[in-house]
Amino acid sequence: MVMNRIIQHLKSSDHVLLASHLSPDGDAIGSLLAMGIALNALGIRTTLFNESPIPAVYRFLPSVNRIRSRIEDIHLFDTAVILDCGDIIRIGKNADAVQQLPAVVNIDHHITNTRFGQMHLIDTAACATAEIVYRIIKRAGLFIDEALATAIYTGIFTDTGSFRFSNTNKEAFSICDEMVARGADPYTVAKNVYGTYSLGRIKLLNLALDSLEISCNGKLSLMILTRDMFDETGTRSEDVDGMINYGRRIRNVRVAALVQEHMNGRGPEMYPKRYHVSLRSDGSVDVAEIAAHFGGGGHRDAAGFNIESRVGDIRKDLFDLAEKIT
């Protein structure tokens, strides 16, 4: 069985690199921390890595200070475990070097996963990657303490939209019930993740809502965030988390899109820039298919892609696609 093979391989590894995707969400961070805590319990030497800054709302999590944003020498590792990434390029600029390591383990739940690496543990029916990590921990026979429970609970809680999204399955409730019994505090998690916003984030939300447009057929909502908006409000990309849902909740909207300018690099408006486009569906449209059209991926109801273009061209492409939504 694949899970047993992965566990045995990790136990025989000398130094394991654990990595999750850029602009990490609660599942990416929760899975990363849970896997790190678990491997340490097994006596396995590990390094936790995420190239992006850890969003402030997740800095309450146990062991979060172990996550490094830089790796000096990739070749120190004999195994990499890539968590919650549909494609290894999602870990950032170290992707090519990591792919050259002797063993790459791919643990994910995205339907658009490219099956990179030598060992795959991919379950598209899982509500979150944290659910898969939970199964690994149980199979390895490890005791789940408060720190592990909090990391797993946070991963599932956030990736299911606090149990509101369509990926909320029976396991989401049963696992989280067990995590609470093991010490996870739902109030603490919810308070940190959803209960406290900076003034800058509120100002950024105001600018995002000011940019809101609806396609002619009313089926797509679009918001645009530029680097100037981030500079004006003193915010970063981590402050965007959840804003797209305002567009998704508009009556009759089937797909919400949020276009976010990358924080690195500037140039005149006439020149292409790098953007990240997030897509959310009400369940009637497969946005993973739309994202794949632009070289991205994700889930049926939540997906995204990166693109080098002009914001006006992105807007036109999305509104043209909106006309095909029935």
Protein backbone atom coordinates (compact mmCIF):
# COMPACT_ATOMS: atom_id res chain seq x y z
CA MET A 1 0.00 0.00 0.00
CA VAL A 2 1.27 3.47 -0.94
CA MET A 3 0.80 4.96 2.52
CA ASN A 4 2.80 2.19 4.18
CA ARG A 5 5.55 2.57 1.57
CA ILE A 6 5.75 6.32 2.20
CA ILE A 7 5.93 5.86 5.98
CA GLN A 8 8.68 3.26 5.68
CA HIS A 9 10.61 5.45 3.26
CA LEU A 10 10.39 8.47 5.57
CA LYS A 11 11.60 6.40 8.52
CA SER A 12 14.69 5.45 6.52
CA SER A 13 15.39 9.00 5.31
CA ASP A 14 18.28 11.03 6.69
CA HIS A 15 16.88 14.56 6.30
CA VAL A 16 13.38 15.35 5.01
CA LEU A 17 12.32 18.65 3.46
CA LEU A 18 8.63 19.47 3.99
CA ALA A 19 7.21 22.16 1.72
CA SER A 20 3.83 23.63 0.83
CA HIS A 21 2.60 26.13 -1.74
CA LEU A 22 3.24 29.84 -2.15
CA SER A 23 0.79 32.22 -0.45
CA PRO A 24 -0.11 29.43 1.97
CA ASP A 25 -3.63 28.98 3.31
CA GLY A 26 -4.69 27.20 6.48
CA ASP A 27 -4.54 23.75 4.91
CA ALA A 28 -1.04 24.28 3.52
CA ILE A 29 0.27 25.52 6.87
CA GLY A 30 -1.71 23.10 9.02
CA SER A 31 -0.60 20.12 6.92
CA LEU A 32 3.02 21.31 6.93
CA LEU A 33 3.10 21.73 10.71
CA ALA A 34 1.26 18.48 11.42
CA MET A 35 3.62 16.51 9.18
CA GLY A 36 6.63 18.18 10.77
CA ILE A 37 5.47 17.45 14.31
CA ALA A 38 4.68 13.84 13.34
CA LEU A 39 8.05 13.18 11.70
CA ASN A 40 9.85 14.64 14.70
CA ALA A 41 7.91 12.22 16.90
CA LEU A 42 9.25 9.42 14.73
CA GLY A 43 12.80 10.70 15.26
CA ILE A 44 13.14 11.86 11.66
CA ARG A 45 15.22 14.97 10.96
CA THR A 46 13.05 17.53 9.16
CA THR A 47 13.10 21.07 7.80
CA LEU A 48 9.83 22.93 7.18
CA PHE A 49 9.76 25.35 4.26
CA ASN A 50 7.44 27.85 2.66
CA GLU A 51 8.82 30.59 0.44
CA SER A 52 6.04 33.06 1.31
CA PRO A 53 5.58 34.92 4.60
CA ILE A 54 3.24 33.12 6.97
CA PRO A 55 -0.04 35.08 7.18
CA ALA A 56 -0.55 36.77 10.53
CA VAL A 57 -3.79 34.88 11.16
CA TYR A 58 -1.87 31.57 11.30
CA ARG A 59 1.05 32.67 13.47
CA PHE A 60 -0.73 31.39 16.58
CA LEU A 61 -0.20 27.79 15.49
CA PRO A 62 2.21 25.60 17.48
CA SER A 63 5.70 25.29 15.95
CA VAL A 64 4.94 27.88 13.24
CA ASN A 65 8.30 29.52 13.95
CA ARG A 66 9.96 26.38 12.57
CA ILE A 67 8.88 27.26 9.02
CA ARG A 68 11.78 28.69 7.04
CA SER A 69 11.42 30.92 3.97
CA ARG A 70 14.89 30.21 2.57
CA ILE A 71 16.93 27.09 1.92
CA GLU A 72 20.67 27.48 1.56
CA ASP A 73 21.50 24.03 0.18
CA ILE A 74 18.78 21.79 -1.27
CA HIS A 75 21.26 18.94 -1.59
CA LEU A 76 21.34 18.48 2.18
CA PHE A 77 18.02 16.61 1.85
CA ASP A 78 17.48 13.09 0.59
CA THR A 79 13.67 13.28 0.56
CA ALA A 80 11.13 16.04 -0.05
CA VAL A 81 7.47 15.84 0.95
CA ILE A 82 5.38 18.32 -1.01
CA LEU A 83 2.03 19.08 0.63
CA ASP A 84 -1.15 20.59 -0.84
CA CYS A 85 0.42 21.39 -4.24
CA GLY A 86 -1.22 20.46 -7.52
CA ASP A 87 2.13 21.04 -9.23
CA ILE A 88 5.61 21.19 -7.74
CA ILE A 89 6.16 24.63 -9.28
CA ARG A 90 3.74 25.90 -6.61
CA ILE A 91 6.51 25.73 -3.99
CA GLY A 92 8.35 28.57 -5.76
CA LYS A 93 11.81 29.19 -7.12
CA ASN A 94 13.32 26.04 -5.56
CA ALA A 95 11.00 23.70 -7.49
CA ASP A 96 13.55 22.60 -10.10
CA ALA A 97 16.22 21.83 -7.51
CA VAL A 98 13.78 19.94 -5.28
CA GLN A 99 12.70 17.77 -8.22
CA GLN A 100 16.31 16.54 -8.51
CA LEU A 101 16.34 15.09 -4.99
CA PRO A 102 16.52 11.27 -4.72
CA ALA A 103 12.88 11.00 -3.58
CA VAL A 104 9.91 13.36 -3.86
CA VAL A 105 6.65 12.46 -2.09
CA ASN A 106 3.50 14.15 -3.38
CA ILE A 107 0.63 14.43 -0.84
CA ASP A 108 -2.39 16.35 -2.08
CA HIS A 109 -6.16 16.46 -2.68
CA HIS A 110 -6.40 18.67 -5.79
CA ILE A 111 -8.11 17.10 -8.81
CA THR A 112 -5.65 18.85 -11.13
CA ASN A 113 -2.55 17.33 -9.48
CA THR A 114 0.12 16.59 -12.09
CA ARG A 115 1.35 13.41 -10.31
CA PHE A 116 4.88 14.75 -9.91
CA GLY A 117 7.40 12.92 -7.75
CA GLN A 118 8.20 9.25 -7.23
CA MET A 119 5.51 8.54 -4.62
CA HIS A 120 1.96 9.88 -4.76
CA LEU A 121 -0.70 9.96 -2.07
CA ILE A 122 -3.48 11.90 -3.75
CA ASP A 123 -7.12 11.69 -2.69
CA THR A 124 -9.41 14.13 -4.47
CA ALA A 125 -12.30 13.09 -2.21
CA ALA A 126 -10.47 14.33 0.87
CA CYS A 127 -11.78 17.60 2.26
CA ALA A 128 -8.24 18.87 2.80
CA THR A 129 -4.64 17.72 2.61
CA ALA A 130 -4.76 17.82 6.42
CA GLU A 131 -7.23 14.91 6.24
CA ILE A 132 -4.66 12.83 4.36
CA VAL A 133 -1.90 13.82 6.81
CA TYR A 134 -4.20 12.75 9.65
CA ARG A 135 -4.54 9.29 8.07
CA ILE A 136 -0.74 9.00 7.76
CA ILE A 137 -0.32 9.91 11.43
CA LYS A 138 -2.92 7.33 12.47
CA ARG A 139 -1.36 4.65 10.25
CA ALA A 140 2.05 5.39 11.80
CA GLY A 141 0.52 4.78 15.23
CA LEU A 142 1.45 8.20 16.61
CA PHE A 143 -0.21 9.84 19.60
CA ILE A 144 -2.01 13.05 18.62
CA ASP A 145 -1.24 15.75 21.18
CA GLU A 146 -2.67 19.27 21.40
CA ALA A 147 -0.16 20.74 18.91
CA LEU A 148 -0.88 18.08 16.28
CA ALA A 149 -4.61 18.33 16.89
CA THR A 150 -4.59 22.11 16.45
CA ALA A 151 -2.66 21.93 13.17
CA ILE A 152 -4.96 19.27 11.69
CA TYR A 153 -8.13 20.98 12.92
CA THR A 154 -7.01 24.31 11.41
CA GLY A 155 -6.23 22.71 8.05
CA ILE A 156 -9.66 21.11 7.77
CA PHE A 157 -11.58 24.01 9.32
CA THR A 158 -10.14 26.56 6.88
CA ASP A 159 -10.20 24.45 3.70
CA THR A 160 -13.87 23.65 4.23
CA GLY A 161 -14.65 27.33 4.82
CA SER A 162 -15.53 26.56 8.45
CA PHE A 163 -17.59 23.58 7.22
CA ARG A 164 -19.58 25.64 4.68
CA PHE A 165 -17.99 24.55 1.38
CA SER A 166 -19.10 21.62 -0.77
CA ASN A 167 -15.94 19.64 0.07
CA THR A 168 -17.17 19.30 3.68
CA ASN A 169 -17.52 15.55 4.10
CA LYS A 170 -18.31 13.17 6.95
CA GLU A 171 -14.62 12.81 7.73
CA ALA A 172 -14.25 16.57 8.20
CA PHE A 173 -16.62 16.43 11.17
CA SER A 174 -15.40 13.13 12.63
CA ILE A 175 -11.71 14.11 12.44
CA CYS A 176 -12.32 17.57 13.87
CA ASP A 177 -14.39 16.07 16.68
CA GLU A 178 -11.44 13.85 17.54
CA MET A 179 -9.03 16.81 17.31
CA VAL A 180 -11.14 18.77 19.79
CA ALA A 181 -11.04 15.78 22.13
CA ARG A 182 -7.25 15.81 21.72
CA GLY A 183 -6.94 19.47 22.72
CA ALA A 184 -7.71 21.65 19.71
CA ASP A 185 -9.73 24.70 20.78
CA PRO A 186 -12.33 25.69 18.13
CA TYR A 187 -12.77 29.14 19.66
CA THR A 188 -9.05 29.92 19.57
CA VAL A 189 -8.75 28.76 15.97
CA ALA A 190 -11.83 30.68 14.79
CA LYS A 191 -10.82 33.82 16.70
CA ASN A 192 -7.38 33.90 15.11
CA VAL A 193 -8.42 32.89 11.60
CA TYR A 194 -11.62 34.92 11.22
CA GLY A 195 -12.01 37.15 14.26
CA THR A 196 -9.27 39.76 13.99
CA TYR A 197 -8.45 42.04 11.04
CA SER A 198 -5.98 44.86 10.72
CA LEU A 199 -7.19 48.34 9.75
CA GLY A 200 -5.16 47.99 6.55
CA ARG A 201 -7.08 44.86 5.57
CA ILE A 202 -10.41 46.67 6.02
CA LYS A 203 -9.15 49.52 3.82
CA LEU A 204 -7.96 47.01 1.21
CA LEU A 205 -11.36 45.32 1.26
CA ASN A 206 -12.97 48.70 0.63
CA LEU A 207 -10.77 49.21 -2.45
CA ALA A 208 -11.50 45.68 -3.65
CA LEU A 209 -15.25 46.23 -3.37
CA ASP A 210 -14.91 49.57 -5.19
CA SER A 211 -13.36 47.65 -8.11
CA LEU A 212 -16.23 45.13 -8.24
CA GLU A 213 -17.79 44.53 -11.67
CA ILE A 214 -20.46 42.11 -12.86
CA SER A 215 -20.48 40.56 -16.33
CA CYS A 216 -23.29 41.50 -18.73
CA ASN A 217 -25.11 38.23 -18.07
CA GLY A 218 -24.71 38.61 -14.31
CA LYS A 219 -22.94 35.26 -13.96
CA LEU A 220 -19.41 36.45 -13.10
CA SER A 221 -18.14 38.97 -10.55
CA LEU A 222 -14.68 40.48 -10.83
CA MET A 223 -12.50 42.36 -8.36
CA ILE A 224 -9.01 43.70 -9.05
CA LEU A 225 -6.24 44.43 -6.56
CA THR A 226 -3.16 46.30 -7.76
CA ARG A 227 0.18 46.77 -6.06
CA ASP A 228 -0.67 50.45 -5.60
CA MET A 229 -3.66 49.37 -3.49
CA PHE A 230 -1.40 47.25 -1.28
CA ASP A 231 1.05 50.14 -0.92
CA GLU A 232 -1.73 52.59 -0.10
CA THR A 233 -3.15 50.38 2.67
CA GLY A 234 0.13 48.97 3.98
CA THR A 235 -1.05 45.42 3.32
CA ARG A 236 0.36 42.27 1.72
CA SER A 237 -1.03 39.39 -0.28
CA GLU A 238 -1.87 37.51 2.93
CA ASP A 239 -4.54 40.15 3.67
CA VAL A 240 -6.53 39.11 0.58
CA ASP A 241 -7.58 35.78 2.07
CA GLY A 242 -11.37 35.36 1.90
CA MET A 243 -12.13 38.58 0.03
CA ILE A 244 -13.21 36.73 -3.10
CA ASN A 245 -16.20 35.34 -1.21
CA TYR A 246 -17.86 38.75 -1.22
CA GLY A 247 -18.14 38.49 -5.00
CA ARG A 248 -19.21 34.84 -4.85
CA ARG A 249 -22.13 35.58 -2.55
CA ILE A 250 -23.81 38.06 -4.90
CA ARG A 251 -27.20 36.79 -6.05
CA ASN A 252 -27.11 35.00 -9.45
CA VAL A 253 -23.30 35.06 -9.63
CA ARG A 254 -21.98 31.63 -10.60
CA VAL A 255 -18.25 32.44 -10.65
CA ALA A 256 -16.26 35.01 -8.69
CA ALA A 257 -12.82 36.12 -9.87
CA LEU A 258 -10.22 38.12 -8.00
CA VAL A 259 -7.23 39.44 -9.95
CA GLN A 260 -4.24 40.24 -7.77
CA GLU A 261 -1.06 41.90 -9.01
CA HIS A 262 2.10 40.13 -7.87
CA MET A 263 4.07 42.08 -5.30
CA ASN A 264 7.42 41.80 -7.09
CA GLY A 265 8.30 44.11 -9.94
CA ARG A 266 6.80 47.26 -11.35
CA GLY A 267 6.36 48.71 -14.79
CA PRO A 268 4.22 51.05 -16.87
CA GLU A 269 0.62 49.95 -17.42
CA MET A 270 1.35 49.37 -21.10
CA TYR A 271 3.67 46.47 -20.25
CA PRO A 272 2.54 43.02 -19.08
CA LYS A 273 2.76 42.28 -15.35
CA ARG A 274 2.39 39.14 -13.27
CA TYR A 275 -1.04 38.49 -11.80
CA HIS A 276 -2.65 35.76 -9.75
CA VAL A 277 -6.28 35.07 -10.60
CA SER A 278 -8.40 33.30 -7.98
CA LEU A 279 -11.69 31.67 -9.03
CA ARG A 280 -14.61 30.50 -6.89
CA SER A 281 -17.79 28.77 -8.04
CA ASP A 282 -21.24 28.41 -6.54
CA GLY A 283 -20.98 24.71 -7.43
CA SER A 284 -22.56 24.92 -10.87
CA VAL A 285 -19.35 25.71 -12.80
CA ASP A 286 -16.06 23.78 -12.83
CA VAL A 287 -13.53 26.56 -12.22
CA ALA A 288 -10.64 24.06 -12.22
CA GLU A 289 -11.37 23.61 -15.92
CA ILE A 290 -11.27 27.38 -16.45
CA ALA A 291 -8.00 27.65 -14.51
CA ALA A 292 -6.48 24.77 -16.51
CA HIS A 293 -7.21 26.74 -19.70
CA PHE A 294 -4.76 29.35 -18.38
CA GLY A 295 -2.20 26.85 -17.09
CA GLY A 296 -3.51 26.71 -13.52
CA GLY A 297 -5.57 24.26 -11.52
CA GLY A 298 -7.33 23.51 -8.27
CA HIS A 299 -10.73 22.14 -7.33
CA ARG A 300 -14.09 22.23 -9.08
CA ASP A 301 -15.30 25.04 -6.80
CA ALA A 302 -11.99 26.78 -6.03
CA ALA A 303 -9.09 27.21 -8.42
CA GLY A 304 -6.61 29.74 -9.73
CA PHE A 305 -3.81 30.54 -12.12
CA ASN A 306 -0.84 32.86 -12.60
CA ILE A 307 -0.53 34.89 -15.76
CA GLU A 308 1.70 37.55 -17.31
CA SER A 309 -0.60 39.98 -19.06
CA ARG A 310 -2.29 43.35 -18.88
CA VAL A 311 -5.13 43.72 -16.44
CA GLY A 312 -7.43 44.95 -19.22
CA ASP A 313 -6.75 41.80 -21.25
CA ILE A 314 -7.40 39.56 -18.23
CA ARG A 315 -10.67 41.38 -17.60
CA LYS A 316 -11.74 40.90 -21.23
CA ASP A 317 -10.82 37.18 -21.22
CA LEU A 318 -12.80 36.55 -18.05
CA PHE A 319 -15.86 38.45 -19.21
CA ASP A 320 -15.73 36.62 -22.54
CA LEU A 321 -15.72 33.32 -20.62
CA ALA A 322 -18.63 34.57 -18.53
CA GLU A 323 -20.82 34.76 -21.60
CA LYS A 324 -20.46 30.99 -21.97
CA ILE A 325 -21.81 30.33 -18.47
CA THR A 326 -25.42 29.18 -18.70
